[in-house]
Protein backbone atom coordinates (compact mmCIF):
# COMPACT_ATOMS: atom_id res chain seq x y z
CA UNK A 1 0.00 0.00 0.00
CA UNK A 2 1.48 3.29 -1.11
CA UNK A 3 0.52 5.92 1.49
CA UNK A 4 0.53 8.59 -1.21
CA UNK A 5 -2.66 7.02 -2.57
CA UNK A 6 -4.49 7.46 0.72
CA UNK A 7 -3.21 10.65 2.32
CA UNK A 8 -4.61 13.94 1.07
CA UNK A 9 -5.28 12.66 -2.45
CA UNK A 10 -8.34 14.23 -4.00
CA UNK A 11 -10.32 13.75 -7.17
CA UNK A 12 -13.01 16.25 -8.17
CA UNK A 13 -12.71 17.86 -4.74
CA UNK A 14 -13.46 14.60 -2.88
CA UNK A 15 -11.10 12.27 -1.04
CA UNK A 16 -9.84 9.65 -3.50
CA UNK A 17 -9.99 6.95 -0.84
CA UNK A 18 -12.56 7.50 1.89
CA UNK A 19 -13.14 5.26 4.91
CA UNK A 20 -15.56 2.93 3.11
CA UNK A 21 -13.28 2.33 0.14
CA UNK A 22 -10.30 1.81 2.43
CA UNK A 23 -12.24 -0.71 4.52
CA UNK A 24 -13.27 -2.55 1.32
CA UNK A 25 -9.67 -2.67 0.13
CA UNK A 26 -8.39 -3.97 3.47
CA UNK A 27 -11.13 -6.61 3.71
CA UNK A 28 -10.45 -7.69 0.10
CA UNK A 29 -6.73 -8.08 0.75
CA UNK A 30 -7.44 -10.02 3.95
CA UNK A 31 -9.85 -12.33 2.10
CA UNK A 32 -7.32 -12.87 -0.72
CA UNK A 33 -4.60 -13.71 1.80
CA UNK A 34 -6.87 -16.22 3.57
CA UNK A 35 -7.89 -17.82 0.25
CA UNK A 36 -4.27 -18.16 -0.84
CA UNK A 37 -3.33 -19.59 2.57
CA UNK A 38 -5.98 -22.33 2.21
CA UNK A 39 -4.41 -23.20 -1.14
CA UNK A 40 -0.92 -23.45 0.37
CA UNK A 41 0.32 -20.05 -0.77
CA UNK A 42 0.54 -16.61 0.79
CA UNK A 43 0.26 -12.91 0.03
CA UNK A 44 2.96 -10.48 1.08
CA UNK A 45 1.65 -6.99 1.78
CA UNK A 46 3.75 -3.96 2.62
CA UNK A 47 3.04 -0.30 3.36
CA UNK A 48 5.35 2.34 1.99
CA UNK A 49 6.60 3.91 -1.17
CA UNK A 50 7.13 1.11 -3.71
CA UNK A 51 10.46 2.56 -4.81
CA UNK A 52 11.62 2.21 -1.18
CA UNK A 53 10.21 -1.20 -0.26
CA UNK A 54 10.51 -3.44 -3.35
CA UNK A 55 14.27 -4.00 -3.09
CA UNK A 56 14.02 -4.66 0.65
CA UNK A 57 11.20 -7.13 0.08
CA UNK A 58 13.16 -9.01 -2.59
CA UNK A 59 16.16 -9.18 -0.26
CA UNK A 60 14.02 -10.44 2.64
CA UNK A 61 12.32 -13.11 0.55
CA UNK A 62 15.52 -14.43 -0.97
CA UNK A 63 14.64 -16.50 -4.04
CA UNK A 64 12.30 -14.28 -6.08
CA UNK A 65 11.29 -15.39 -9.56
CA UNK A 66 8.81 -12.61 -10.40
CA UNK A 67 7.68 -9.18 -9.24
CA UNK A 68 4.17 -8.03 -10.16
CA UNK A 69 2.85 -4.51 -9.74
CA UNK A 70 0.30 -2.08 -11.10
CA UNK A 71 0.50 1.60 -11.82
CA UNK A 72 -2.17 4.05 -10.72
CA UNK A 73 -4.15 5.34 -13.69
CA UNK A 74 -3.44 9.02 -14.22
CA UNK A 75 -6.33 11.46 -14.48
CA UNK A 76 -7.08 12.73 -17.94
CA UNK A 77 -8.11 16.36 -17.89
PDB file of N, CA and C in Angstrom:
ATOM      1  N   UNK A   1       0.839  -1.175   0.000  1.00  0.00           N
ATOM      2  CA  UNK A   1       0.000   0.000   0.000  1.00  0.00           C
ATOM      3  C   UNK A   1       0.884   1.239   0.000  1.00  0.00           C
ATOM      4  N   UNK A   2       0.719   2.051  -1.001  1.00  0.00           N
ATOM      5  CA  UNK A   2       1.483   3.289  -1.112  1.00  0.00           C
ATOM      6  C   UNK A   2       0.709   4.388  -0.390  1.00  0.00           C
ATOM      7  N   UNK A   3       1.244   4.918   0.716  1.00  0.00           N
ATOM      8  CA  UNK A   3       0.522   5.923   1.489  1.00  0.00           C
ATOM      9  C   UNK A   3       0.127   7.154   0.688  1.00  0.00           C
ATOM     10  N   UNK A   4       0.853   7.418  -0.387  1.00  0.00           N
ATOM     11  CA  UNK A   4       0.531   8.588  -1.210  1.00  0.00           C
ATOM     12  C   UNK A   4      -0.842   8.454  -1.869  1.00  0.00           C
ATOM     13  N   UNK A   5      -1.342   7.238  -1.963  1.00  0.00           N
ATOM     14  CA  UNK A   5      -2.657   7.024  -2.569  1.00  0.00           C
ATOM     15  C   UNK A   5      -3.781   7.254  -1.571  1.00  0.00           C
ATOM     16  N   UNK A   6      -3.454   7.384  -0.301  1.00  0.00           N
ATOM     17  CA  UNK A   6      -4.486   7.459   0.725  1.00  0.00           C
ATOM     18  C   UNK A   6      -4.440   8.729   1.556  1.00  0.00           C
ATOM     19  N   UNK A   7      -3.359   9.447   1.506  1.00  0.00           N
ATOM     20  CA  UNK A   7      -3.211  10.646   2.324  1.00  0.00           C
ATOM     21  C   UNK A   7      -3.359  11.896   1.467  1.00  0.00           C
ATOM     22  N   UNK A   8      -4.395  12.656   1.721  1.00  0.00           N
ATOM     23  CA  UNK A   8      -4.606  13.940   1.071  1.00  0.00           C
ATOM     24  C   UNK A   8      -4.721  13.870  -0.452  1.00  0.00           C
ATOM     25  N   UNK A   9      -5.061  12.710  -1.015  1.00  0.00           N
ATOM     26  CA  UNK A   9      -5.282  12.659  -2.453  1.00  0.00           C
ATOM     27  C   UNK A   9      -6.740  12.972  -2.722  1.00  0.00           C
ATOM     28  N   UNK A  10      -6.973  13.794  -3.718  1.00  0.00           N
ATOM     29  CA  UNK A  10      -8.339  14.228  -4.000  1.00  0.00           C
ATOM     30  C   UNK A  10      -8.619  14.104  -5.492  1.00  0.00           C
ATOM     31  N   UNK A  11      -9.866  13.839  -5.791  1.00  0.00           N
ATOM     32  CA  UNK A  11     -10.325  13.747  -7.171  1.00  0.00           C
ATOM     33  C   UNK A  11     -11.671  14.458  -7.239  1.00  0.00           C
ATOM     34  N   UNK A  12     -11.774  15.466  -8.059  1.00  0.00           N
ATOM     35  CA  UNK A  12     -13.009  16.252  -8.170  1.00  0.00           C
ATOM     36  C   UNK A  12     -13.416  16.847  -6.823  1.00  0.00           C
ATOM     37  N   UNK A  13     -12.441  17.225  -6.022  1.00  0.00           N
ATOM     38  CA  UNK A  13     -12.707  17.862  -4.739  1.00  0.00           C
ATOM     39  C   UNK A  13     -13.084  16.911  -3.622  1.00  0.00           C
ATOM     40  N   UNK A  14     -13.097  15.604  -3.889  1.00  0.00           N
ATOM     41  CA  UNK A  14     -13.460  14.604  -2.884  1.00  0.00           C
ATOM     42  C   UNK A  14     -12.254  13.731  -2.570  1.00  0.00           C
ATOM     43  N   UNK A  15     -12.206  13.174  -1.352  1.00  0.00           N
ATOM     44  CA  UNK A  15     -11.097  12.267  -1.044  1.00  0.00           C
ATOM     45  C   UNK A  15     -11.106  11.089  -2.014  1.00  0.00           C
ATOM     46  N   UNK A  16      -9.936  10.747  -2.552  1.00  0.00           N
ATOM     47  CA  UNK A  16      -9.843   9.652  -3.502  1.00  0.00           C
ATOM     48  C   UNK A  16     -10.146   8.314  -2.830  1.00  0.00           C
ATOM     49  N   UNK A  17      -9.717   8.176  -1.589  1.00  0.00           N
ATOM     50  CA  UNK A  17      -9.991   6.953  -0.836  1.00  0.00           C
ATOM     51  C   UNK A  17     -10.569   7.340   0.504  1.00  0.00           C
ATOM     52  N   UNK A  18     -11.887   7.216   0.632  1.00  0.00           N
ATOM     53  CA  UNK A  18     -12.563   7.498   1.887  1.00  0.00           C
ATOM     54  C   UNK A  18     -12.561   6.278   2.782  1.00  0.00           C
ATOM     55  N   UNK A  19     -13.168   6.365   3.951  1.00  0.00           N
ATOM     56  CA  UNK A  19     -13.139   5.264   4.907  1.00  0.00           C
ATOM     57  C   UNK A  19     -13.819   3.997   4.391  1.00  0.00           C
ATOM     58  N   UNK A  20     -14.868   4.130   3.603  1.00  0.00           N
ATOM     59  CA  UNK A  20     -15.563   2.933   3.114  1.00  0.00           C
ATOM     60  C   UNK A  20     -14.732   2.203   2.056  1.00  0.00           C
ATOM     61  N   UNK A  21     -14.129   2.958   1.159  1.00  0.00           N
ATOM     62  CA  UNK A  21     -13.282   2.327   0.144  1.00  0.00           C
ATOM     63  C   UNK A  21     -12.064   1.684   0.791  1.00  0.00           C
ATOM     64  N   UNK A  22     -11.464   2.367   1.753  1.00  0.00           N
ATOM     65  CA  UNK A  22     -10.300   1.807   2.429  1.00  0.00           C
ATOM     66  C   UNK A  22     -10.668   0.521   3.152  1.00  0.00           C
ATOM     67  N   UNK A  23     -11.805   0.508   3.828  1.00  0.00           N
ATOM     68  CA  UNK A  23     -12.237  -0.710   4.516  1.00  0.00           C
ATOM     69  C   UNK A  23     -12.441  -1.840   3.512  1.00  0.00           C
ATOM     70  N   UNK A  24     -13.075  -1.546   2.363  1.00  0.00           N
ATOM     71  CA  UNK A  24     -13.274  -2.548   1.321  1.00  0.00           C
ATOM     72  C   UNK A  24     -11.938  -3.107   0.837  1.00  0.00           C
ATOM     73  N   UNK A  25     -10.980  -2.217   0.577  1.00  0.00           N
ATOM     74  CA  UNK A  25      -9.666  -2.669   0.128  1.00  0.00           C
ATOM     75  C   UNK A  25      -8.996  -3.572   1.156  1.00  0.00           C
ATOM     76  N   UNK A  26      -9.026  -3.167   2.420  1.00  0.00           N
ATOM     77  CA  UNK A  26      -8.391  -3.966   3.471  1.00  0.00           C
ATOM     78  C   UNK A  26      -9.072  -5.320   3.635  1.00  0.00           C
ATOM     79  N   UNK A  27     -10.402  -5.341   3.591  1.00  0.00           N
ATOM     80  CA  UNK A  27     -11.129  -6.609   3.705  1.00  0.00           C
ATOM     81  C   UNK A  27     -10.855  -7.506   2.497  1.00  0.00           C
ATOM     82  N   UNK A  28     -10.739  -6.912   1.311  1.00  0.00           N
ATOM     83  CA  UNK A  28     -10.450  -7.685   0.105  1.00  0.00           C
ATOM     84  C   UNK A  28      -9.065  -8.315   0.171  1.00  0.00           C
ATOM     85  N   UNK A  29      -8.093  -7.550   0.626  1.00  0.00           N
ATOM     86  CA  UNK A  29      -6.731  -8.081   0.746  1.00  0.00           C
ATOM     87  C   UNK A  29      -6.694  -9.190   1.797  1.00  0.00           C
ATOM     88  N   UNK A  30      -7.389  -8.993   2.904  1.00  0.00           N
ATOM     89  CA  UNK A  30      -7.443 -10.018   3.951  1.00  0.00           C
ATOM     90  C   UNK A  30      -8.080 -11.296   3.410  1.00  0.00           C
ATOM     91  N   UNK A  31      -9.172 -11.165   2.673  1.00  0.00           N
ATOM     92  CA  UNK A  31      -9.845 -12.332   2.099  1.00  0.00           C
ATOM     93  C   UNK A  31      -8.941 -13.039   1.088  1.00  0.00           C
ATOM     94  N   UNK A  32      -8.246 -12.273   0.249  1.00  0.00           N
ATOM     95  CA  UNK A  32      -7.323 -12.869  -0.718  1.00  0.00           C
ATOM     96  C   UNK A  32      -6.217 -13.630  -0.007  1.00  0.00           C
ATOM     97  N   UNK A  33      -5.665 -13.045   1.044  1.00  0.00           N
ATOM     98  CA  UNK A  33      -4.596 -13.708   1.799  1.00  0.00           C
ATOM     99  C   UNK A  33      -5.094 -15.027   2.401  1.00  0.00           C
ATOM    100  N   UNK A  34      -6.302 -15.009   2.975  1.00  0.00           N
ATOM    101  CA  UNK A  34      -6.871 -16.224   3.567  1.00  0.00           C
ATOM    102  C   UNK A  34      -7.146 -17.286   2.505  1.00  0.00           C
ATOM    103  N   UNK A  35      -7.641 -16.878   1.344  1.00  0.00           N
ATOM    104  CA  UNK A  35      -7.892 -17.822   0.250  1.00  0.00           C
ATOM    105  C   UNK A  35      -6.586 -18.449  -0.224  1.00  0.00           C
ATOM    106  N   UNK A  36      -5.569 -17.643  -0.412  1.00  0.00           N
ATOM    107  CA  UNK A  36      -4.270 -18.163  -0.837  1.00  0.00           C
ATOM    108  C   UNK A  36      -3.681 -19.097   0.209  1.00  0.00           C
ATOM    109  N   UNK A  37      -3.853 -18.764   1.489  1.00  0.00           N
ATOM    110  CA  UNK A  37      -3.328 -19.590   2.571  1.00  0.00           C
ATOM    111  C   UNK A  37      -3.962 -20.988   2.540  1.00  0.00           C
ATOM    112  N   UNK A  38      -5.282 -21.028   2.295  1.00  0.00           N
ATOM    113  CA  UNK A  38      -5.980 -22.328   2.214  1.00  0.00           C
ATOM    114  C   UNK A  38      -5.464 -23.163   1.047  1.00  0.00           C
ATOM    115  N   UNK A  39      -4.933 -22.506   0.033  1.00  0.00           N
ATOM    116  CA  UNK A  39      -4.408 -23.204  -1.140  1.00  0.00           C
ATOM    117  C   UNK A  39      -2.906 -23.465  -1.032  1.00  0.00           C
ATOM    118  N   UNK A  40      -2.336 -23.171   0.138  1.00  0.00           N
ATOM    119  CA  UNK A  40      -0.921 -23.445   0.367  1.00  0.00           C
ATOM    120  C   UNK A  40       0.014 -22.344  -0.108  1.00  0.00           C
ATOM    121  N   UNK A  41      -0.510 -21.156  -0.327  1.00  0.00           N
ATOM    122  CA  UNK A  41       0.318 -20.045  -0.767  1.00  0.00           C
ATOM    123  C   UNK A  41       0.199 -18.910   0.253  1.00  0.00           C
ATOM    124  N   UNK A  42       0.646 -17.745  -0.108  1.00  0.00           N
ATOM    125  CA  UNK A  42       0.545 -16.609   0.787  1.00  0.00           C
ATOM    126  C   UNK A  42       0.510 -15.322  -0.017  1.00  0.00           C
ATOM    127  N   UNK A  43       0.259 -14.239   0.644  1.00  0.00           N
ATOM    128  CA  UNK A  43       0.261 -12.909   0.034  1.00  0.00           C
ATOM    129  C   UNK A  43       1.095 -12.008   0.920  1.00  0.00           C
ATOM    130  N   UNK A  44       2.102 -11.400   0.339  1.00  0.00           N
ATOM    131  CA  UNK A  44       2.959 -10.481   1.077  1.00  0.00           C
ATOM    132  C   UNK A  44       2.449  -9.069   0.823  1.00  0.00           C
ATOM    133  N   UNK A  45       2.168  -8.349   1.894  1.00  0.00           N
ATOM    134  CA  UNK A  45       1.654  -6.987   1.779  1.00  0.00           C
ATOM    135  C   UNK A  45       2.578  -6.060   2.556  1.00  0.00           C
ATOM    136  N   UNK A  46       2.911  -4.940   1.951  1.00  0.00           N
ATOM    137  CA  UNK A  46       3.754  -3.962   2.618  1.00  0.00           C
ATOM    138  C   UNK A  46       3.126  -2.586   2.483  1.00  0.00           C
ATOM    139  N   UNK A  47       3.465  -1.693   3.398  1.00  0.00           N
ATOM    140  CA  UNK A  47       3.035  -0.303   3.360  1.00  0.00           C
ATOM    141  C   UNK A  47       4.273   0.549   3.186  1.00  0.00           C
ATOM    142  N   UNK A  48       4.229   1.443   2.228  1.00  0.00           N
ATOM    143  CA  UNK A  48       5.348   2.339   1.991  1.00  0.00           C
ATOM    144  C   UNK A  48       5.446   2.688   0.525  1.00  0.00           C
ATOM    145  N   UNK A  49       6.385   3.521   0.222  1.00  0.00           N
ATOM    146  CA  UNK A  49       6.602   3.906  -1.166  1.00  0.00           C
ATOM    147  C   UNK A  49       7.220   2.718  -1.902  1.00  0.00           C
ATOM    148  N   UNK A  50       6.618   2.282  -3.006  1.00  0.00           N
ATOM    149  CA  UNK A  50       7.135   1.110  -3.714  1.00  0.00           C
ATOM    150  C   UNK A  50       8.616   1.212  -4.058  1.00  0.00           C
ATOM    151  N   UNK A  51       9.045   2.410  -4.450  1.00  0.00           N
ATOM    152  CA  UNK A  51      10.458   2.558  -4.807  1.00  0.00           C
ATOM    153  C   UNK A  51      11.370   2.362  -3.598  1.00  0.00           C
ATOM    154  N   UNK A  52      10.824   2.437  -2.396  1.00  0.00           N
ATOM    155  CA  UNK A  52      11.616   2.215  -1.182  1.00  0.00           C
ATOM    156  C   UNK A  52      11.528   0.779  -0.662  1.00  0.00           C
ATOM    157  N   UNK A  53      10.414   0.098  -0.911  1.00  0.00           N
ATOM    158  CA  UNK A  53      10.211  -1.198  -0.258  1.00  0.00           C
ATOM    159  C   UNK A  53      10.441  -2.420  -1.147  1.00  0.00           C
ATOM    160  N   UNK A  54      10.396  -2.262  -2.477  1.00  0.00           N
ATOM    161  CA  UNK A  54      10.505  -3.437  -3.348  1.00  0.00           C
ATOM    162  C   UNK A  54      11.865  -4.131  -3.196  1.00  0.00           C
ATOM    163  N   UNK A  55      12.944  -3.380  -3.230  1.00  0.00           N
ATOM    164  CA  UNK A  55      14.274  -3.999  -3.093  1.00  0.00           C
ATOM    165  C   UNK A  55      14.425  -4.684  -1.740  1.00  0.00           C
ATOM    166  N   UNK A  56      13.952  -4.043  -0.676  1.00  0.00           N
ATOM    167  CA  UNK A  56      14.022  -4.657   0.650  1.00  0.00           C
ATOM    168  C   UNK A  56      13.214  -5.945   0.701  1.00  0.00           C
ATOM    169  N   UNK A  57      12.049  -5.947   0.083  1.00  0.00           N
ATOM    170  CA  UNK A  57      11.202  -7.132   0.078  1.00  0.00           C
ATOM    171  C   UNK A  57      11.872  -8.278  -0.673  1.00  0.00           C
ATOM    172  N   UNK A  58      12.457  -7.975  -1.818  1.00  0.00           N
ATOM    173  CA  UNK A  58      13.159  -9.009  -2.590  1.00  0.00           C
ATOM    174  C   UNK A  58      14.309  -9.582  -1.773  1.00  0.00           C
ATOM    175  N   UNK A  59      15.049  -8.721  -1.094  1.00  0.00           N
ATOM    176  CA  UNK A  59      16.163  -9.175  -0.259  1.00  0.00           C
ATOM    177  C   UNK A  59      15.667 -10.061   0.881  1.00  0.00           C
ATOM    178  N   UNK A  60      14.572  -9.661   1.531  1.00  0.00           N
ATOM    179  CA  UNK A  60      14.015 -10.441   2.645  1.00  0.00           C
ATOM    180  C   UNK A  60      13.524 -11.805   2.193  1.00  0.00           C
ATOM    181  N   UNK A  61      12.898 -11.856   1.014  1.00  0.00           N
ATOM    182  CA  UNK A  61      12.316 -13.112   0.547  1.00  0.00           C
ATOM    183  C   UNK A  61      13.362 -14.074  -0.004  1.00  0.00           C
ATOM    184  N   UNK A  62      14.472 -13.558  -0.458  1.00  0.00           N
ATOM    185  CA  UNK A  62      15.517 -14.428  -0.975  1.00  0.00           C
ATOM    186  C   UNK A  62      15.289 -14.784  -2.431  1.00  0.00           C
ATOM    187  N   UNK A  63      14.806 -15.987  -2.680  1.00  0.00           N
ATOM    188  CA  UNK A  63      14.636 -16.497  -4.039  1.00  0.00           C
ATOM    189  C   UNK A  63      13.344 -15.961  -4.650  1.00  0.00           C
ATOM    190  N   UNK A  64      13.458 -14.907  -5.434  1.00  0.00           N
ATOM    191  CA  UNK A  64      12.304 -14.282  -6.077  1.00  0.00           C
ATOM    192  C   UNK A  64      12.384 -14.547  -7.573  1.00  0.00           C
ATOM    193  N   UNK A  65      11.297 -15.096  -8.136  1.00  0.00           N
ATOM    194  CA  UNK A  65      11.286 -15.393  -9.564  1.00  0.00           C
ATOM    195  C   UNK A  65      10.474 -14.383 -10.366  1.00  0.00           C
ATOM    196  N   UNK A  66       9.614 -13.604  -9.694  1.00  0.00           N
ATOM    197  CA  UNK A  66       8.810 -12.608 -10.399  1.00  0.00           C
ATOM    198  C   UNK A  66       8.378 -11.509  -9.445  1.00  0.00           C
ATOM    199  N   UNK A  67       8.217 -10.320  -9.983  1.00  0.00           N
ATOM    200  CA  UNK A  67       7.683  -9.185  -9.238  1.00  0.00           C
ATOM    201  C   UNK A  67       6.529  -8.639 -10.067  1.00  0.00           C
ATOM    202  N   UNK A  68       5.351  -8.510  -9.450  1.00  0.00           N
ATOM    203  CA  UNK A  68       4.169  -8.031 -10.156  1.00  0.00           C
ATOM    204  C   UNK A  68       3.702  -6.745  -9.490  1.00  0.00           C
ATOM    205  N   UNK A  69       3.315  -5.767 -10.292  1.00  0.00           N
ATOM    206  CA  UNK A  69       2.852  -4.506  -9.741  1.00  0.00           C
ATOM    207  C   UNK A  69       1.841  -3.881 -10.693  1.00  0.00           C
ATOM    208  N   UNK A  70       1.182  -2.854 -10.230  1.00  0.00           N
ATOM    209  CA  UNK A  70       0.302  -2.076 -11.102  1.00  0.00           C
ATOM    210  C   UNK A  70       0.631  -0.600 -10.911  1.00  0.00           C
ATOM    211  N   UNK A  71       0.279   0.172 -11.900  1.00  0.00           N
ATOM    212  CA  UNK A  71       0.499   1.603 -11.824  1.00  0.00           C
ATOM    213  C   UNK A  71      -0.849   2.296 -11.733  1.00  0.00           C
ATOM    214  N   UNK A  72      -0.944   3.283 -10.870  1.00  0.00           N
ATOM    215  CA  UNK A  72      -2.173   4.050 -10.721  1.00  0.00           C
ATOM    216  C   UNK A  72      -2.487   4.750 -12.035  1.00  0.00           C
ATOM    217  N   UNK A  73      -3.725   4.681 -12.457  1.00  0.00           N
ATOM    218  CA  UNK A  73      -4.150   5.343 -13.685  1.00  0.00           C
ATOM    219  C   UNK A  73      -4.146   6.853 -13.458  1.00  0.00           C
ATOM    220  N   UNK A  74      -3.522   7.563 -14.335  1.00  0.00           N
ATOM    221  CA  UNK A  74      -3.442   9.018 -14.223  1.00  0.00           C
ATOM    222  C   UNK A  74      -4.756   9.643 -14.693  1.00  0.00           C
ATOM    223  N   UNK A  75      -5.129  10.740 -14.077  1.00  0.00           N
ATOM    224  CA  UNK A  75      -6.333  11.465 -14.482  1.00  0.00           C
ATOM    225  C   UNK A  75      -6.117  12.104 -15.831  1.00  0.00           C
ATOM    226  N   UNK A  76      -7.128  12.048 -16.659  1.00  0.00           N
ATOM    227  CA  UNK A  76      -7.085  12.727 -17.944  1.00  0.00           C
ATOM    228  C   UNK A  76      -7.956  13.961 -17.828  1.00  0.00           C
ATOM    229  N   UNK A  77      -7.363  15.107 -18.023  1.00  0.00           N
ATOM    230  CA  UNK A  77      -8.110  16.359 -17.894  1.00  0.00           C
ATOM    231  C   UNK A  77      -8.450  16.935 -19.247  1.00  0.00           C
TER     232      UNK A  77
END
